[in-house]
Amino acid sequence: MKKIIEITSKFDGPSQHGSFTKHMWCRYRWWVILRSLLCIIAIFFGAYLIEPGTKGGAFGGFLVMVGSLGFMRPMLWQMWHERGLRKHPAYETEVHYEFSEKGIKMSGRAGDADVPWSDFYQVRPTKKGLLIYQDKKQYLWIPKADFQTGQMQEIAQMKQTTEA
């Protein structure tokens, strides 16, 4: 018997908040870690150069600024991402998802779509929700609160069985 999982999710700011950071961590984990380490090094080395008695004050200030901006960049990108979501026609509406062995049926005020699993790049359950990648950068996010226990893993398994 074919298993069907049905989810109704509100597509709004609170449900989507934090999805960009989960996406960045899932797709670019090592780059995020490396960038964070480089920012920390730049801030500490810049602070050292600003110290009285050293001659690198201006360059030290520059390093502190660059390191700080490096930490702010992901936050800015998340704000831009959430701003882009507010322009989506389905924003502030409920979307009904129907997951089956064939794919995902989505329906809502913005329209209906029936997408086979082969059109998705990856399905990734996280602690906070489910990331469904259309390609390496575009994703759908459904928060964990909309699922019952074990459903996210079952959906990821549905995608994996179509790849085998």
C-alpha atoms as a PDB file:
ATOM      1  CA  MET A   1       0.000   0.000   0.000  1.00  0.00           C
ATOM      2  CA  LYS A   2       1.274   3.424  -0.913  1.00  0.00           C
ATOM      3  CA  LYS A   3       2.006   5.721   2.007  1.00  0.00           C
ATOM      4  CA  ILE A   4       0.772   9.307   1.803  1.00  0.00           C
ATOM      5  CA  ILE A   5       1.752  11.975   4.318  1.00  0.00           C
ATOM      6  CA  GLU A   6      -0.342  15.129   4.390  1.00  0.00           C
ATOM      7  CA  ILE A   7       0.878  18.363   5.946  1.00  0.00           C
ATOM      8  CA  THR A   8      -0.722  21.794   6.107  1.00  0.00           C
ATOM      9  CA  SER A   9       1.765  24.552   6.817  1.00  0.00           C
ATOM     10  CA  LYS A  10       1.447  28.304   7.244  1.00  0.00           C
ATOM     11  CA  PHE A  11       3.846  30.117   4.909  1.00  0.00           C
ATOM     12  CA  ASP A  12       4.673  33.239   6.892  1.00  0.00           C
ATOM     13  CA  GLY A  13       7.504  35.051   8.649  1.00  0.00           C
ATOM     14  CA  PRO A  14       7.546  33.130  11.943  1.00  0.00           C
ATOM     15  CA  SER A  15       7.436  29.737  10.209  1.00  0.00           C
ATOM     16  CA  GLN A  16      10.249  30.662   7.808  1.00  0.00           C
ATOM     17  CA  HIS A  17      12.477  32.528  10.267  1.00  0.00           C
ATOM     18  CA  GLY A  18      15.796  30.755  10.663  1.00  0.00           C
ATOM     19  CA  SER A  19      15.383  28.575   7.579  1.00  0.00           C
ATOM     20  CA  PHE A  20      18.199  30.406   5.793  1.00  0.00           C
ATOM     21  CA  THR A  21      20.697  29.625   8.561  1.00  0.00           C
ATOM     22  CA  LYS A  22      19.649  25.951   8.478  1.00  0.00           C
ATOM     23  CA  HIS A  23      20.130  25.976   4.711  1.00  0.00           C
ATOM     24  CA  MET A  24      23.590  27.554   5.031  1.00  0.00           C
ATOM     25  CA  TRP A  25      24.618  25.034   7.689  1.00  0.00           C
ATOM     26  CA  CYS A  26      23.373  22.046   5.646  1.00  0.00           C
ATOM     27  CA  ARG A  27      24.845  23.114   2.305  1.00  0.00           C
ATOM     28  CA  TYR A  28      27.966  25.097   3.250  1.00  0.00           C
ATOM     29  CA  ARG A  29      28.965  23.885   6.722  1.00  0.00           C
ATOM     30  CA  TRP A  30      32.739  23.901   6.201  1.00  0.00           C
ATOM     31  CA  TRP A  31      32.686  27.275   4.479  1.00  0.00           C
ATOM     32  CA  VAL A  32      30.679  28.748   7.395  1.00  0.00           C
ATOM     33  CA  ILE A  33      33.190  27.343   9.900  1.00  0.00           C
ATOM     34  CA  LEU A  34      36.193  28.584   7.894  1.00  0.00           C
ATOM     35  CA  ARG A  35      34.656  32.036   7.420  1.00  0.00           C
ATOM     36  CA  SER A  36      33.922  32.269  11.152  1.00  0.00           C
ATOM     37  CA  LEU A  37      37.497  31.325  12.041  1.00  0.00           C
ATOM     38  CA  LEU A  38      38.885  33.884   9.584  1.00  0.00           C
ATOM     39  CA  CYS A  39      36.635  36.567  11.075  1.00  0.00           C
ATOM     40  CA  ILE A  40      37.795  35.744  14.607  1.00  0.00           C
ATOM     41  CA  ILE A  41      41.447  35.831  13.512  1.00  0.00           C
ATOM     42  CA  ALA A  42      40.941  39.178  11.743  1.00  0.00           C
ATOM     43  CA  ILE A  43      39.242  40.729  14.788  1.00  0.00           C
ATOM     44  CA  PHE A  44      41.894  39.545  17.267  1.00  0.00           C
ATOM     45  CA  PHE A  45      44.836  40.421  14.999  1.00  0.00           C
ATOM     46  CA  GLY A  46      43.277  43.813  14.276  1.00  0.00           C
ATOM     47  CA  ALA A  47      42.758  44.449  17.990  1.00  0.00           C
ATOM     48  CA  TYR A  48      46.408  43.547  18.561  1.00  0.00           C
ATOM     49  CA  LEU A  49      47.536  46.009  15.882  1.00  0.00           C
ATOM     50  CA  ILE A  50      45.401  48.809  17.332  1.00  0.00           C
ATOM     51  CA  GLU A  51      47.155  48.427  20.692  1.00  0.00           C
ATOM     52  CA  PRO A  52      49.200  51.487  21.716  1.00  0.00           C
ATOM     53  CA  GLY A  53      52.848  51.137  20.816  1.00  0.00           C
ATOM     54  CA  THR A  54      52.233  49.316  17.522  1.00  0.00           C
ATOM     55  CA  LYS A  55      52.326  51.056  14.165  1.00  0.00           C
ATOM     56  CA  GLY A  56      49.425  49.188  12.558  1.00  0.00           C
ATOM     57  CA  GLY A  57      46.544  51.217  13.998  1.00  0.00           C
ATOM     58  CA  ALA A  58      44.756  52.003  10.728  1.00  0.00           C
ATOM     59  CA  PHE A  59      45.273  48.515   9.327  1.00  0.00           C
ATOM     60  CA  GLY A  60      44.214  47.026  12.663  1.00  0.00           C
ATOM     61  CA  GLY A  61      40.995  49.031  12.564  1.00  0.00           C
ATOM     62  CA  PHE A  62      40.421  47.804   9.016  1.00  0.00           C
ATOM     63  CA  LEU A  63      40.863  44.162  10.116  1.00  0.00           C
ATOM     64  CA  VAL A  64      38.439  44.597  13.018  1.00  0.00           C
ATOM     65  CA  MET A  65      35.898  46.126  10.619  1.00  0.00           C
ATOM     66  CA  VAL A  66      36.321  43.352   8.029  1.00  0.00           C
ATOM     67  CA  GLY A  67      36.057  40.633  10.679  1.00  0.00           C
ATOM     68  CA  SER A  68      32.919  42.212  12.126  1.00  0.00           C
ATOM     69  CA  LEU A  69      31.305  42.583   8.704  1.00  0.00           C
ATOM     70  CA  GLY A  70      32.126  38.940   7.994  1.00  0.00           C
ATOM     71  CA  PHE A  71      30.016  37.973  11.010  1.00  0.00           C
ATOM     72  CA  MET A  72      27.192  40.311   9.963  1.00  0.00           C
ATOM     73  CA  ARG A  73      26.998  39.097   6.350  1.00  0.00           C
ATOM     74  CA  PRO A  74      24.936  35.926   7.063  1.00  0.00           C
ATOM     75  CA  MET A  75      22.478  37.975   9.126  1.00  0.00           C
ATOM     76  CA  LEU A  76      22.075  40.460   6.282  1.00  0.00           C
ATOM     77  CA  TRP A  77      21.561  37.661   3.775  1.00  0.00           C
ATOM     78  CA  GLN A  78      18.909  36.134   6.026  1.00  0.00           C
ATOM     79  CA  MET A  79      17.086  39.470   6.225  1.00  0.00           C
ATOM     80  CA  TRP A  80      17.196  39.805   2.414  1.00  0.00           C
ATOM     81  CA  HIS A  81      15.972  36.221   2.055  1.00  0.00           C
ATOM     82  CA  GLU A  82      13.026  36.830   4.392  1.00  0.00           C
ATOM     83  CA  ARG A  83      12.263  40.089   2.600  1.00  0.00           C
ATOM     84  CA  GLY A  84      12.117  38.183  -0.687  1.00  0.00           C
ATOM     85  CA  LEU A  85       9.716  35.662   0.853  1.00  0.00           C
ATOM     86  CA  ARG A  86       7.291  38.463   1.733  1.00  0.00           C
ATOM     87  CA  LYS A  87       6.960  39.186  -1.996  1.00  0.00           C
ATOM     88  CA  HIS A  88       5.895  35.599  -2.775  1.00  0.00           C
ATOM     89  CA  PRO A  89       2.197  35.227  -3.754  1.00  0.00           C
ATOM     90  CA  ALA A  90       1.674  32.435  -1.203  1.00  0.00           C
ATOM     91  CA  TYR A  91       3.027  34.490   1.715  1.00  0.00           C
ATOM     92  CA  GLU A  92       0.685  34.650   4.738  1.00  0.00           C
ATOM     93  CA  THR A  93      -1.370  31.708   3.443  1.00  0.00           C
ATOM     94  CA  GLU A  94      -1.618  28.011   4.215  1.00  0.00           C
ATOM     95  CA  VAL A  95      -0.054  25.512   1.855  1.00  0.00           C
ATOM     96  CA  HIS A  96      -1.213  21.908   1.787  1.00  0.00           C
ATOM     97  CA  TYR A  97       1.483  19.308   1.022  1.00  0.00           C
ATOM     98  CA  GLU A  98       0.788  15.726   0.062  1.00  0.00           C
ATOM     99  CA  PHE A  99       3.920  13.553   0.069  1.00  0.00           C
ATOM    100  CA  SER A 100       3.767  10.204  -1.700  1.00  0.00           C
ATOM    101  CA  GLU A 101       6.157   7.761  -3.341  1.00  0.00           C
ATOM    102  CA  LYS A 102       5.676   9.630  -6.629  1.00  0.00           C
ATOM    103  CA  GLY A 103       6.453  13.127  -5.346  1.00  0.00           C
ATOM    104  CA  ILE A 104       4.859  16.150  -3.720  1.00  0.00           C
ATOM    105  CA  LYS A 105       1.488  17.707  -4.442  1.00  0.00           C
ATOM    106  CA  MET A 106       1.311  21.281  -3.213  1.00  0.00           C
ATOM    107  CA  SER A 107      -1.846  23.345  -3.186  1.00  0.00           C
ATOM    108  CA  GLY A 108      -2.664  26.755  -1.869  1.00  0.00           C
ATOM    109  CA  ARG A 109      -3.985  30.173  -2.773  1.00  0.00           C
ATOM    110  CA  ALA A 110      -1.012  30.839  -5.091  1.00  0.00           C
ATOM    111  CA  GLY A 111      -1.769  27.721  -7.155  1.00  0.00           C
ATOM    112  CA  ASP A 112      -1.271  23.981  -7.337  1.00  0.00           C
ATOM    113  CA  ALA A 113       1.779  21.931  -8.278  1.00  0.00           C
ATOM    114  CA  ASP A 114       2.451  18.219  -8.638  1.00  0.00           C
ATOM    115  CA  VAL A 115       6.215  17.674  -8.612  1.00  0.00           C
ATOM    116  CA  PRO A 116       7.892  14.251  -8.931  1.00  0.00           C
ATOM    117  CA  TRP A 117      10.806  13.380  -6.643  1.00  0.00           C
ATOM    118  CA  SER A 118      13.175  13.360  -9.624  1.00  0.00           C
ATOM    119  CA  ASP A 119      12.733  17.145  -9.938  1.00  0.00           C
ATOM    120  CA  PHE A 120      14.113  17.689  -6.436  1.00  0.00           C
ATOM    121  CA  TYR A 121      17.825  17.801  -5.698  1.00  0.00           C
ATOM    122  CA  GLN A 122      17.715  16.683  -2.061  1.00  0.00           C
ATOM    123  CA  VAL A 123      15.440  16.297   0.972  1.00  0.00           C
ATOM    124  CA  ARG A 124      17.117  17.013   4.286  1.00  0.00           C
ATOM    125  CA  PRO A 125      15.454  16.671   7.709  1.00  0.00           C
ATOM    126  CA  THR A 126      16.948  18.928  10.416  1.00  0.00           C
ATOM    127  CA  LYS A 127      16.217  19.433  14.111  1.00  0.00           C
ATOM    128  CA  LYS A 128      13.992  22.425  13.323  1.00  0.00           C
ATOM    129  CA  GLY A 129      12.276  21.363  10.094  1.00  0.00           C
ATOM    130  CA  LEU A 130      12.505  19.871   6.621  1.00  0.00           C
ATOM    131  CA  LEU A 131      14.596  21.332   3.797  1.00  0.00           C
ATOM    132  CA  ILE A 132      13.449  20.279   0.319  1.00  0.00           C
ATOM    133  CA  TYR A 133      15.988  21.420  -2.270  1.00  0.00           C
ATOM    134  CA  GLN A 134      14.893  22.244  -5.813  1.00  0.00           C
ATOM    135  CA  ASP A 135      18.563  22.731  -6.700  1.00  0.00           C
ATOM    136  CA  LYS A 136      21.680  23.494  -4.658  1.00  0.00           C
ATOM    137  CA  LYS A 137      20.478  26.958  -3.635  1.00  0.00           C
ATOM    138  CA  GLN A 138      16.670  27.018  -3.821  1.00  0.00           C
ATOM    139  CA  TYR A 139      14.700  25.221  -1.168  1.00  0.00           C
ATOM    140  CA  LEU A 140      11.327  24.789   0.465  1.00  0.00           C
ATOM    141  CA  TRP A 141      11.195  24.916   4.258  1.00  0.00           C
ATOM    142  CA  ILE A 142       8.544  23.254   6.380  1.00  0.00           C
ATOM    143  CA  PRO A 143       8.935  23.740  10.155  1.00  0.00           C
ATOM    144  CA  LYS A 144       9.086  20.719  12.467  1.00  0.00           C
ATOM    145  CA  ALA A 145       5.923  21.813  14.295  1.00  0.00           C
ATOM    146  CA  ASP A 146       3.853  20.880  11.229  1.00  0.00           C
ATOM    147  CA  PHE A 147       4.992  17.241  11.294  1.00  0.00           C
ATOM    148  CA  GLN A 148       4.180  14.305  13.492  1.00  0.00           C
ATOM    149  CA  THR A 149       7.055  12.288  14.958  1.00  0.00           C
ATOM    150  CA  GLY A 150       9.047  10.445  12.295  1.00  0.00           C
ATOM    151  CA  GLN A 151       7.318  11.966   9.274  1.00  0.00           C
ATOM    152  CA  MET A 152      10.317  14.051   8.163  1.00  0.00           C
ATOM    153  CA  GLN A 153      12.499  10.934   8.034  1.00  0.00           C
ATOM    154  CA  GLU A 154       9.797   9.050   6.106  1.00  0.00           C
ATOM    155  CA  ILE A 155       9.646  11.844   3.531  1.00  0.00           C
ATOM    156  CA  ALA A 156      13.438  11.848   3.167  1.00  0.00           C
ATOM    157  CA  GLN A 157      13.259   8.064   2.699  1.00  0.00           C
ATOM    158  CA  MET A 158      10.645   8.504  -0.069  1.00  0.00           C
ATOM    159  CA  LYS A 159      13.120  10.711  -1.962  1.00  0.00           C
ATOM    160  CA  GLN A 160      15.985   8.251  -1.419  1.00  0.00           C
ATOM    161  CA  THR A 161      14.001   5.263  -2.714  1.00  0.00           C
ATOM    162  CA  THR A 162      13.365   7.050  -6.005  1.00  0.00           C
ATOM    163  CA  GLU A 163      17.122   7.605  -6.446  1.00  0.00           C
ATOM    164  CA  ALA A 164      17.979   3.908  -5.997  1.00  0.00           C
END
